[in-house]
């Protein structure tokens, strides 16, 4: 489902990295706009975990 997106830090301020990112694509951060949250999507019951091997190994 959709819920208001939140880009603010724990003190209620917009972190500069979000401002820079959205400025670079010519828009303001969609704070409070309905959208999807990857963290919430990852918990959907229709998803299944799969092992992909040594994914995080850095040489």
N, C-alpha and C. Protein backbone atom coordinates (compact mmCIF):
# COMPACT_ATOMS: atom_id res chain seq x y z
N UNK A 1 0.80 -1.18 0.00
CA UNK A 1 0.00 0.00 0.00
C UNK A 1 0.86 1.26 0.00
N UNK A 2 0.19 2.33 -0.20
CA UNK A 2 0.89 3.60 -0.19
C UNK A 2 0.73 4.28 1.16
N UNK A 3 1.75 5.02 1.53
CA UNK A 3 1.74 5.80 2.76
C UNK A 3 2.58 7.05 2.51
N UNK A 4 2.40 8.09 3.34
CA UNK A 4 3.19 9.30 3.13
C UNK A 4 4.69 9.01 3.24
N UNK A 5 5.44 9.46 2.24
CA UNK A 5 6.89 9.26 2.26
C UNK A 5 7.52 10.24 3.23
N UNK A 6 8.57 9.79 3.91
CA UNK A 6 9.26 10.62 4.89
C UNK A 6 10.75 10.62 4.61
N UNK A 7 11.30 11.79 4.34
CA UNK A 7 12.72 11.94 4.08
C UNK A 7 13.42 12.70 5.21
N UNK A 8 12.69 13.04 6.27
CA UNK A 8 13.26 13.83 7.35
C UNK A 8 14.09 12.98 8.29
N UNK A 9 15.07 13.61 8.93
CA UNK A 9 15.88 12.89 9.92
C UNK A 9 15.13 12.85 11.26
N UNK A 10 15.74 12.27 12.27
CA UNK A 10 15.08 12.09 13.56
C UNK A 10 14.76 13.41 14.27
N UNK A 11 15.39 14.49 13.82
CA UNK A 11 15.12 15.81 14.40
C UNK A 11 14.12 16.61 13.57
N UNK A 12 13.60 16.00 12.51
CA UNK A 12 12.61 16.67 11.67
C UNK A 12 13.19 17.56 10.59
N UNK A 13 14.48 17.42 10.31
CA UNK A 13 15.14 18.23 9.28
C UNK A 13 15.37 17.40 8.02
N UNK A 14 15.38 18.09 6.88
CA UNK A 14 15.67 17.42 5.61
C UNK A 14 17.18 17.29 5.47
N UNK A 15 17.73 16.07 5.44
CA UNK A 15 19.17 15.89 5.26
C UNK A 15 19.62 16.46 3.91
N UNK A 16 20.81 17.02 3.90
CA UNK A 16 21.31 17.68 2.69
C UNK A 16 21.46 16.71 1.53
N UNK A 17 21.74 15.42 1.81
CA UNK A 17 21.88 14.48 0.70
C UNK A 17 20.58 14.30 -0.06
N UNK A 18 19.43 14.36 0.63
CA UNK A 18 18.15 14.28 -0.10
C UNK A 18 17.94 15.55 -0.92
N UNK A 19 18.25 16.68 -0.32
CA UNK A 19 18.09 17.94 -1.05
C UNK A 19 18.95 17.94 -2.30
N UNK A 20 20.21 17.53 -2.18
CA UNK A 20 21.11 17.49 -3.35
C UNK A 20 20.61 16.50 -4.40
N UNK A 21 20.16 15.33 -3.96
CA UNK A 21 19.68 14.33 -4.91
C UNK A 21 18.49 14.86 -5.71
N UNK A 22 17.48 15.36 -5.01
CA UNK A 22 16.29 15.81 -5.71
C UNK A 22 16.56 17.08 -6.52
N UNK A 23 17.43 17.95 -6.03
CA UNK A 23 17.84 19.12 -6.84
C UNK A 23 18.48 18.66 -8.15
N UNK A 24 19.27 17.59 -8.08
CA UNK A 24 19.98 17.13 -9.28
C UNK A 24 19.03 16.59 -10.35
N UNK A 25 17.82 16.20 -9.95
CA UNK A 25 16.84 15.73 -10.93
C UNK A 25 15.72 16.75 -11.15
N UNK A 26 15.95 17.96 -10.63
CA UNK A 26 15.03 19.06 -10.91
C UNK A 26 13.71 19.03 -10.19
N UNK A 27 13.70 18.48 -8.99
CA UNK A 27 12.45 18.47 -8.22
C UNK A 27 12.77 18.57 -6.73
N UNK A 28 11.77 18.93 -5.96
CA UNK A 28 11.96 18.96 -4.51
C UNK A 28 11.61 17.59 -3.94
N UNK A 29 12.12 17.30 -2.77
CA UNK A 29 11.84 16.01 -2.13
C UNK A 29 10.33 15.88 -1.91
N UNK A 30 9.75 14.74 -2.28
CA UNK A 30 8.30 14.56 -2.15
C UNK A 30 7.87 14.22 -0.72
N UNK A 31 8.28 15.03 0.22
CA UNK A 31 7.97 14.82 1.63
C UNK A 31 6.46 14.80 1.83
N UNK A 32 5.96 13.73 2.44
CA UNK A 32 4.54 13.63 2.75
C UNK A 32 3.66 13.15 1.59
N UNK A 33 4.22 13.03 0.40
CA UNK A 33 3.46 12.56 -0.76
C UNK A 33 3.26 11.05 -0.64
N UNK A 34 2.08 10.57 -1.01
CA UNK A 34 1.83 9.14 -0.96
C UNK A 34 2.76 8.40 -1.91
N UNK A 35 3.33 7.32 -1.42
CA UNK A 35 4.24 6.52 -2.24
C UNK A 35 4.54 5.20 -1.56
N UNK A 36 5.52 4.51 -2.09
CA UNK A 36 5.91 3.22 -1.53
C UNK A 36 7.22 3.36 -0.77
N UNK A 37 7.40 2.50 0.20
CA UNK A 37 8.58 2.51 1.04
C UNK A 37 9.28 1.16 0.87
N UNK A 38 10.52 1.15 0.36
CA UNK A 38 11.22 -0.12 0.16
C UNK A 38 11.30 -0.99 1.41
N UNK A 39 11.46 -0.37 2.57
CA UNK A 39 11.52 -1.13 3.83
C UNK A 39 10.20 -1.86 4.06
N UNK A 40 9.09 -1.15 3.86
CA UNK A 40 7.78 -1.77 4.05
C UNK A 40 7.52 -2.83 2.98
N UNK A 41 7.93 -2.55 1.74
CA UNK A 41 7.73 -3.51 0.66
C UNK A 41 8.49 -4.81 0.93
N UNK A 42 9.65 -4.71 1.57
CA UNK A 42 10.45 -5.91 1.82
C UNK A 42 9.78 -6.86 2.80
N UNK A 43 8.78 -6.38 3.53
CA UNK A 43 8.09 -7.21 4.52
C UNK A 43 6.80 -7.83 3.98
N UNK A 44 6.49 -7.59 2.70
CA UNK A 44 5.27 -8.13 2.12
C UNK A 44 5.29 -9.66 2.14
N UNK A 45 4.15 -10.25 2.46
CA UNK A 45 4.06 -11.71 2.58
C UNK A 45 4.22 -12.43 1.24
N UNK A 46 4.06 -11.72 0.13
CA UNK A 46 4.19 -12.37 -1.18
C UNK A 46 5.65 -12.55 -1.59
N UNK A 47 6.58 -11.97 -0.85
CA UNK A 47 8.00 -12.09 -1.17
C UNK A 47 8.61 -13.31 -0.50
N UNK A 48 9.59 -13.87 -1.16
CA UNK A 48 10.30 -15.03 -0.63
C UNK A 48 11.79 -14.73 -0.64
N UNK A 49 12.46 -15.02 0.46
CA UNK A 49 13.90 -14.81 0.54
C UNK A 49 14.62 -15.88 -0.26
N UNK A 50 15.65 -15.45 -0.98
CA UNK A 50 16.49 -16.39 -1.70
C UNK A 50 17.94 -16.08 -1.38
N UNK A 51 18.75 -17.12 -1.27
CA UNK A 51 20.17 -16.91 -0.99
C UNK A 51 20.90 -16.70 -2.31
N UNK A 52 21.73 -15.66 -2.34
CA UNK A 52 22.45 -15.34 -3.57
C UNK A 52 23.95 -15.55 -3.43
N UNK A 53 24.35 -16.22 -2.39
CA UNK A 53 25.77 -16.49 -2.20
C UNK A 53 26.48 -15.39 -1.44
N UNK A 54 27.73 -15.20 -1.76
CA UNK A 54 28.60 -14.27 -1.04
C UNK A 54 28.44 -12.85 -1.59
N UNK A 55 27.23 -12.35 -1.55
CA UNK A 55 26.88 -11.07 -2.18
C UNK A 55 27.68 -9.89 -1.63
N UNK A 56 27.90 -9.84 -0.32
CA UNK A 56 28.54 -8.68 0.30
C UNK A 56 30.06 -8.78 0.37
N UNK A 57 30.63 -9.80 -0.19
CA UNK A 57 32.09 -9.96 -0.13
C UNK A 57 32.77 -8.92 -1.02
N UNK A 58 33.67 -8.17 -0.43
CA UNK A 58 34.42 -7.16 -1.18
C UNK A 58 35.87 -7.59 -1.24
N UNK A 59 36.44 -7.60 -2.42
CA UNK A 59 37.84 -8.02 -2.58
C UNK A 59 38.74 -6.83 -2.67
